[in-house]
Amino acid sequence: MDLSQQEWWEKAQQDNNAVILDVRTEDEFSRGIIPEAINIDIYKGQGFVYAVEELDKDKNYYVYCAAGARSGQACNVMSQLGFNTLYNLAGGISQWGGPVVQPE
């Protein structure tokens, strides 16, 4: 499900079961992330699937990329793998007006 920037962030902040997932490349990730995001690069193909399958399917995933296309694909893949609650950040981090931090 695509959510606007504000809806996505507000929902994530109020969700005790939230996981923020950045599906960009490591290089993109290193340039700044939405706070507390974990990184699994969708361009890794089958590696992405393996990494995602390690995640807890009972959590709620807030997924983003640079512009919203890759994260949309990621949501589709994750849905097929049995993840029920997925929120795609419409417009991606390139249109993000919220906080951005450096990954630790």
Protein backbone atom coordinates (compact mmCIF):
# COMPACT_ATOMS: atom_id res chain seq x y z
CA MET A 1 0.00 0.00 0.00
CA ASP A 2 1.39 3.39 -1.03
CA LEU A 3 1.24 6.07 1.66
CA SER A 4 2.00 9.77 1.45
CA GLN A 5 5.15 10.99 3.19
CA GLN A 6 3.24 12.31 6.20
CA GLU A 7 0.95 9.29 6.59
CA TRP A 8 3.88 6.88 6.26
CA TRP A 9 5.99 8.64 8.91
CA GLU A 10 3.13 9.21 11.37
CA LYS A 11 2.01 5.60 11.09
CA ALA A 12 5.58 4.33 11.56
CA GLN A 13 6.07 6.52 14.65
CA GLN A 14 2.89 5.21 16.29
CA ASP A 15 3.56 1.56 15.40
CA ASN A 16 5.34 -0.46 18.11
CA ASN A 17 5.71 -3.28 15.59
CA ALA A 18 7.32 -1.16 12.84
CA VAL A 19 10.45 -1.98 10.86
CA ILE A 20 11.74 0.69 8.45
CA LEU A 21 13.30 -1.00 5.44
CA ASP A 22 15.55 0.81 2.95
CA VAL A 23 15.88 -1.19 -0.29
CA ARG A 24 18.46 1.08 -1.97
CA THR A 25 22.07 0.14 -2.68
CA GLU A 26 24.66 0.28 0.10
CA ASP A 27 26.18 3.35 -1.58
CA GLU A 28 22.84 5.18 -1.53
CA PHE A 29 22.20 4.01 2.05
CA SER A 30 25.56 5.40 3.19
CA ARG A 31 24.55 8.91 2.03
CA GLY A 32 21.70 9.23 4.52
CA ILE A 33 18.75 7.24 5.79
CA ILE A 34 15.40 7.65 7.48
CA PRO A 35 16.13 7.05 11.21
CA GLU A 36 16.35 3.40 12.34
CA ALA A 37 16.15 2.01 8.79
CA ILE A 38 17.71 -1.34 7.97
CA ASN A 39 19.16 -1.87 4.49
CA ILE A 40 18.47 -4.79 2.16
CA ASP A 41 19.34 -3.92 -1.45
CA ILE A 42 16.61 -5.09 -3.86
CA TYR A 43 19.16 -5.12 -6.71
CA LYS A 44 20.75 -8.18 -5.06
CA GLY A 45 17.93 -10.24 -6.61
CA GLN A 46 17.86 -13.66 -4.98
CA GLY A 47 20.08 -12.29 -2.21
CA PHE A 48 17.28 -9.83 -1.43
CA VAL A 49 14.79 -12.71 -1.19
CA TYR A 50 17.09 -14.70 1.13
CA ALA A 51 17.67 -11.68 3.40
CA VAL A 52 13.98 -10.77 3.53
CA GLU A 53 13.01 -14.34 4.39
CA GLU A 54 15.09 -13.98 7.58
CA LEU A 55 12.83 -11.13 8.74
CA ASP A 56 9.90 -11.54 11.13
CA LYS A 57 6.71 -11.77 9.06
CA ASP A 58 4.63 -10.60 12.05
CA LYS A 59 6.20 -7.13 11.95
CA ASN A 60 4.87 -4.17 9.96
CA TYR A 61 7.25 -3.01 7.23
CA TYR A 62 7.65 0.60 6.13
CA VAL A 63 9.59 0.33 2.88
CA TYR A 64 11.35 3.07 0.91
CA CYS A 65 13.88 3.63 -1.87
CA ALA A 66 14.99 6.72 -3.81
CA ALA A 67 11.77 7.44 -5.73
CA GLY A 68 9.22 4.76 -4.78
CA ALA A 69 9.57 2.27 -7.65
CA ARG A 70 12.03 -0.20 -6.10
CA SER A 71 10.22 -0.10 -2.78
CA GLY A 72 6.98 -0.86 -4.63
CA GLN A 73 8.67 -3.90 -6.19
CA ALA A 74 10.02 -4.90 -2.78
CA CYS A 75 6.51 -4.75 -1.29
CA ASN A 76 5.24 -7.01 -4.10
CA VAL A 77 8.03 -9.55 -3.52
CA MET A 78 7.54 -9.47 0.25
CA SER A 79 3.78 -9.89 -0.13
CA GLN A 80 4.37 -13.02 -2.23
CA LEU A 81 6.68 -14.32 0.53
CA GLY A 82 3.89 -14.04 3.09
CA PHE A 83 4.43 -10.60 4.63
CA ASN A 84 1.02 -9.11 5.43
CA THR A 85 1.65 -5.50 6.46
CA LEU A 86 3.67 -3.44 4.00
CA TYR A 87 3.66 0.32 3.46
CA ASN A 88 5.46 1.88 0.52
CA LEU A 89 6.74 5.45 0.86
CA ALA A 90 5.26 7.28 -2.16
CA GLY A 91 7.95 9.43 -3.82
CA GLY A 92 10.79 7.79 -1.87
CA ILE A 93 13.54 9.53 0.08
CA SER A 94 14.16 11.95 -2.83
CA GLN A 95 10.92 13.76 -1.88
CA TRP A 96 11.28 13.11 1.86
CA GLY A 97 10.76 16.11 4.13
CA GLY A 98 11.30 14.23 7.37
CA PRO A 99 14.47 13.47 9.35
CA VAL A 100 17.53 11.98 7.67
CA VAL A 101 20.51 10.62 9.58
CA GLN A 102 23.81 8.95 8.76
CA PRO A 103 23.79 5.15 9.20
CA GLU A 104 25.80 3.98 12.21
